[in-house]
Amino acid sequence: MELLREAAHSPRLAEPRGALVETPEAVAAMLGLHEMGWGTRRIARELGCSRTTVHRYLTQGEWRGYRRRGRRAKLADDAAWLRERLVRHGGNADVVRQDLERERGIRVSLRTLERAVVPFRQELAAEARATLRFETPPGRQLQIDFGQKRVSIAGAAVSVFLFVATLGYSRLLYVQAFRHARQSAWLAGLEAAFRQFGGVAREVLLDNARALVEYHDPATREVRFNARLVAFARYWDFTPRACAPYRARTKGKDESGVKYVKRNALAGHSFESWSAMEAHLAWWMREVAEVRRHGTTEEAPRTRFDRDEAAMLRPLDGRPPFQQVREVVRVVGPECTIELDTNSYSVPWRLIGKRVAVIASGGRVAIQHDGMEVAAHAEVAGRRQRVTEPSHYLGAPGLARPAPMPEPAEPIPSAALLRPLAEYEQAIGGGW
């Protein structure tokens, strides 16, 4: 009896209710207690397991190890294909299931497919977490990215797009605020960074922004850059590189730089104007970001740049800015305007409904029809602004300019308004 109680209170038996008692000693104690007249409820309570477990072993009359029936996992032969598709579709199992049925003729439930790709999900998650810091030599790499933040300017919340460029070796960064993140802003930000640093890095690592990258296959790593970016890179003599899709952490230096700008340079600040914000960013770069002790290099970025990296950048050689010429086709609207970057520019009214070529270059917007320039305006940097030329509306039915106000007549002297009383008496036929 004492031996049975010791077995019943052994560490292996002190399991939560419902746990499977598998050791031979535990089953022997269970059978011994039953022979002593104990019921299944009392045995289960004593051993800390379920009555179902007790009843099963009492029915068997002995201990038997649990044997799992071997079964081949479904989709086991398609493992390599499933992994490649899971990577291509960014972990979306439902899209993989659709491809499986359409391309391979295999129809399974979403739950079945999710079970099949569990190891691949874990592998991708581990790969995403296991980020190896890649240190680049001086002058080798510049990382760029955009971040967006709502900033209070002149009492209104404004969306500010922050271009951030970070040199890979020194961690010296450059920040510029834009009102949008279109291609023109990317290229303008890069040129400004080159001039700020006094040179060009040999390669520029960028995100897969649609303004820069037309196609990037996550499986084969085939990249097709935008034609204008290719021309820009050739002009400034650098090699563009796109980080792996869904792996923005591969350019972690600049990702950290964007967060740093948001949380340090602009957090909690409000500005009277856009130019005041730009002046603040210039001060912050010079007095804060460049002289701080960097957490990884344990040096100030400016010190590290001046000592090791400045001389390793490719010189600018006095090259003028890359001429960003954009040519698009627009249809003139009923208000005699075309739209470019949300802004409206006027066109002669006779071209309403016509297709015109719009060419933006060097801060100038030129509008051509049938090969002839019909309008030209200075390009505005804001959004939803209206730029008009009064002559474009002359003679337009219903759109004519309001007639000018008539010139005020010369005042009549007060003396001319006064008449002698004799004239009034004569008019009424005599005096009172």
Foldseek 3Di string as FASTA:
>chain_A
DVLLLCLLPDPLLPDAEADARQDQSLLVSLLVVVVVPDDLVVSCVSSNYYSVNSVVSVVVVGHDHDDDDDDDQPCPVVLVVLLLVCQQVVNDQVVVQVCCCVPVVDHDDSVSSCVSCVVSVVVVVVVLVPDDDDADFFLAEKEKDWDWDFAAEQNDTAIWIWIWIAGRHLRQIDIDIANDDALVVVQVVVVVVCVVLQFHRQEYEYECDVNFWVDAGLNVRDTDTDPVVVVSCVVRNHHYHYDRPVRPCNRVSVVVVVVCCVCPQGPPDHYHHPVRSRVSSVCCSVPPQQQDQDPPVRGRSVVCCVPGHSVNGHGPVPDDRDKDKDKDKFAQACLQWTDDQQETEHFQNVRHRHIWIWIDTDQKIFIGDPRHTGDIDGHDRHHNYYHYDLVSQPPPVVRHDDDDDDDDDDDDDPVVVDDDVVVVQVVVPHDD
